[in-house]
């Protein structure tokens, strides 16, 4: 792991350059992986349970989806 000290503006610029250097399919995978990481954080949104049909996917320990 490399630690660097930069301003927020410089850090965002570097992050954007790295992201834009990816192919479109790599960008999609990066986005999906980041969404999976964010899903692990607690949310203030209350889960509404009603008469809706729900599809629940269970994730295994390595982040994949169990079938």
Protein backbone atom coordinates (compact mmCIF):
# COMPACT_ATOMS: atom_id res chain seq x y z
CA UNK A 1 0.00 0.00 0.00
CA UNK A 2 1.25 3.43 -0.91
CA UNK A 3 0.39 6.49 1.16
CA UNK A 4 0.54 9.91 -0.46
CA UNK A 5 -0.34 13.36 0.79
CA UNK A 6 -2.31 15.40 -1.75
CA UNK A 7 -5.05 17.95 -1.75
CA UNK A 8 -8.62 16.79 -2.23
CA UNK A 9 -8.70 18.42 -5.66
CA UNK A 10 -5.50 16.66 -6.77
CA UNK A 11 -6.68 13.34 -5.36
CA UNK A 12 -10.00 13.59 -7.26
CA UNK A 13 -8.14 14.44 -10.49
CA UNK A 14 -5.88 11.38 -10.15
CA UNK A 15 -8.85 9.15 -9.34
CA UNK A 16 -10.75 10.46 -12.38
CA UNK A 17 -7.74 9.93 -14.68
CA UNK A 18 -7.34 6.34 -13.49
CA UNK A 19 -11.04 5.66 -14.00
CA UNK A 20 -11.15 7.20 -17.47
CA UNK A 21 -8.12 5.13 -18.51
CA UNK A 22 -10.21 1.96 -18.06
CA UNK A 23 -12.13 0.34 -20.89
CA UNK A 24 -15.93 0.71 -20.77
CA UNK A 25 -16.37 -2.86 -19.53
CA UNK A 26 -13.73 -2.31 -16.82
CA UNK A 27 -15.54 0.89 -15.78
CA UNK A 28 -18.78 -1.05 -15.42
CA UNK A 29 -17.09 -3.69 -13.28
CA UNK A 30 -15.50 -0.98 -11.08
CA UNK A 31 -18.91 0.64 -10.64
CA UNK A 32 -20.62 -2.64 -9.74
CA UNK A 33 -17.87 -3.55 -7.28
CA UNK A 34 -18.12 -0.14 -5.60
CA UNK A 35 -21.91 -0.51 -5.31
CA UNK A 36 -21.43 -3.92 -3.67
CA UNK A 37 -19.06 -2.32 -1.15
CA UNK A 38 -21.51 0.50 -0.39
CA UNK A 39 -24.30 -2.02 0.18
CA UNK A 40 -22.44 -3.30 3.26
CA UNK A 41 -22.85 0.03 5.08
CA UNK A 42 -25.92 0.56 7.23
CA UNK A 43 -28.65 2.77 5.83
CA UNK A 44 -31.24 5.01 7.48
CA UNK A 45 -33.81 3.92 4.91
CA UNK A 46 -36.40 1.70 6.53
CA UNK A 47 -37.21 -1.47 4.69
CA UNK A 48 -40.90 -1.50 3.81
CA UNK A 49 -42.48 -4.93 3.84
CA UNK A 50 -45.77 -5.16 2.07
CA UNK A 51 -47.46 -7.34 -0.48
CA UNK A 52 -44.70 -6.80 -3.05
CA UNK A 53 -42.93 -9.73 -4.69
CA UNK A 54 -39.27 -9.70 -3.59
CA UNK A 55 -36.27 -11.44 -5.09
CA UNK A 56 -33.55 -11.82 -2.45
CA UNK A 57 -30.03 -12.74 -3.50
CA UNK A 58 -27.75 -14.04 -0.77
CA UNK A 59 -24.06 -13.24 -1.05
CA UNK A 60 -21.46 -15.77 -0.02
CA UNK A 61 -18.31 -14.80 1.91
CA UNK A 62 -16.25 -13.89 -1.19
CA UNK A 63 -18.89 -11.47 -2.52
CA UNK A 64 -20.41 -13.78 -5.11
CA UNK A 65 -24.08 -14.53 -5.37
CA UNK A 66 -25.28 -17.91 -4.16
CA UNK A 67 -27.72 -19.65 -6.45
